[in-house]
Protein backbone atom coordinates (compact mmCIF):
# COMPACT_ATOMS: atom_id res chain seq x y z
CA MET A 1 0.00 0.00 0.00
CA VAL A 2 1.38 3.39 -0.99
CA VAL A 3 1.17 6.45 1.22
CA ARG A 4 -0.81 8.97 -0.82
CA MET A 5 -0.53 12.08 1.32
CA ARG A 6 2.92 12.29 2.88
CA HIS A 7 3.66 14.82 5.59
CA THR A 8 6.63 17.03 4.89
CA ARG A 9 9.53 17.23 7.32
CA ALA A 10 8.37 20.67 8.42
CA HIS A 11 4.88 19.40 9.20
CA THR A 12 6.29 16.50 11.22
CA ALA A 13 8.70 18.80 13.08
CA ASN A 14 5.88 21.21 13.93
CA ARG A 15 3.88 18.35 15.41
CA ARG A 16 6.87 17.15 17.43
CA SER A 17 7.78 20.61 18.74
CA HIS A 18 5.84 19.90 21.93
CA HIS A 19 7.61 16.58 22.63
CA ALA A 20 10.68 18.13 24.30
CA LEU A 21 11.43 17.15 27.88
CA LYS A 22 11.09 19.82 30.53
CA GLY A 23 13.36 20.26 33.54
CA THR A 24 12.38 19.11 37.01
CA ARG A 25 10.42 21.53 39.15
CA LEU A 26 12.17 22.33 42.41
CA SER A 27 10.76 23.80 45.61
CA LYS A 28 12.47 25.37 48.62
CA CYS A 29 12.32 23.47 51.89
CA VAL A 30 10.39 25.31 54.61
CA LYS A 31 12.86 24.29 57.31
CA CYS A 32 16.34 24.47 55.74
CA GLN A 33 15.69 26.51 52.55
CA ALA A 34 17.41 23.85 50.40
CA TYR A 35 15.94 22.92 47.02
CA HIS A 36 14.18 19.55 46.66
CA VAL A 37 12.02 17.76 44.11
CA ARG A 38 8.34 18.58 44.48
CA HIS A 39 6.09 16.14 46.37
CA GLN A 40 9.12 14.40 47.89
CA ALA A 41 10.85 14.72 51.25
CA CYS A 42 13.83 17.05 51.53
CA THR A 43 17.05 15.06 51.32
CA ASN A 44 18.92 17.67 53.34
CA CYS A 45 16.81 17.71 56.53
CA GLY A 46 14.27 14.87 56.02
CA THR A 47 11.09 16.93 56.27
CA TYR A 48 8.01 17.01 54.07
CA ARG A 49 5.55 19.90 54.30
CA GLY A 50 7.16 21.03 57.56
CA LYS A 51 6.97 17.64 59.30
CA ALA A 52 9.89 15.28 59.97
CA VAL A 53 9.35 12.10 57.96
CA LEU A 54 12.89 10.73 57.51
CA SER A 55 15.39 9.88 60.19
CA LEU A 56 18.66 11.06 58.71
CA ALA A 57 20.78 10.07 61.72
CA LYS A 58 21.46 6.62 60.25
CA THR A 59 22.36 7.94 56.81
CA ILE A 60 24.66 10.61 58.26
CA ALA A 61 26.41 8.04 60.45
CA ARG A 62 26.77 5.70 57.47
CA SER A 63 28.26 8.43 55.27
CA GLU A 64 30.70 9.48 58.01
CA LYS A 65 31.76 5.87 58.39
CA LYS A 66 32.48 5.64 54.65
CA VAL A 67 34.52 8.85 54.73
CA THR A 68 36.67 7.65 57.64
CA LYS A 69 37.18 4.30 55.91
CA LYS A 70 38.34 6.05 52.73
CA LYS A 71 40.77 8.22 54.69
CA GLU A 72 42.23 5.15 56.39
CA THR A 73 42.73 3.29 53.11
CA ALA A 74 44.33 6.35 51.50
CA LYS A 75 47.05 6.51 54.17
């Protein structure tokens, strides 16, 4: 079967002009003023909409442990 009415490149490009990806929307945290992805908890302080939802004590301790381990292996 033969395509009778082909779309030109310009017509196709005009249709696809709205297909571009947009950047992520960021919001400022109420508590620490750091930027975070919307509708997700702040990775800096662990709050969401002003309430503490994540306990970051474990993650901070884990990251400090990794840093000390790296320093020891570097020596």
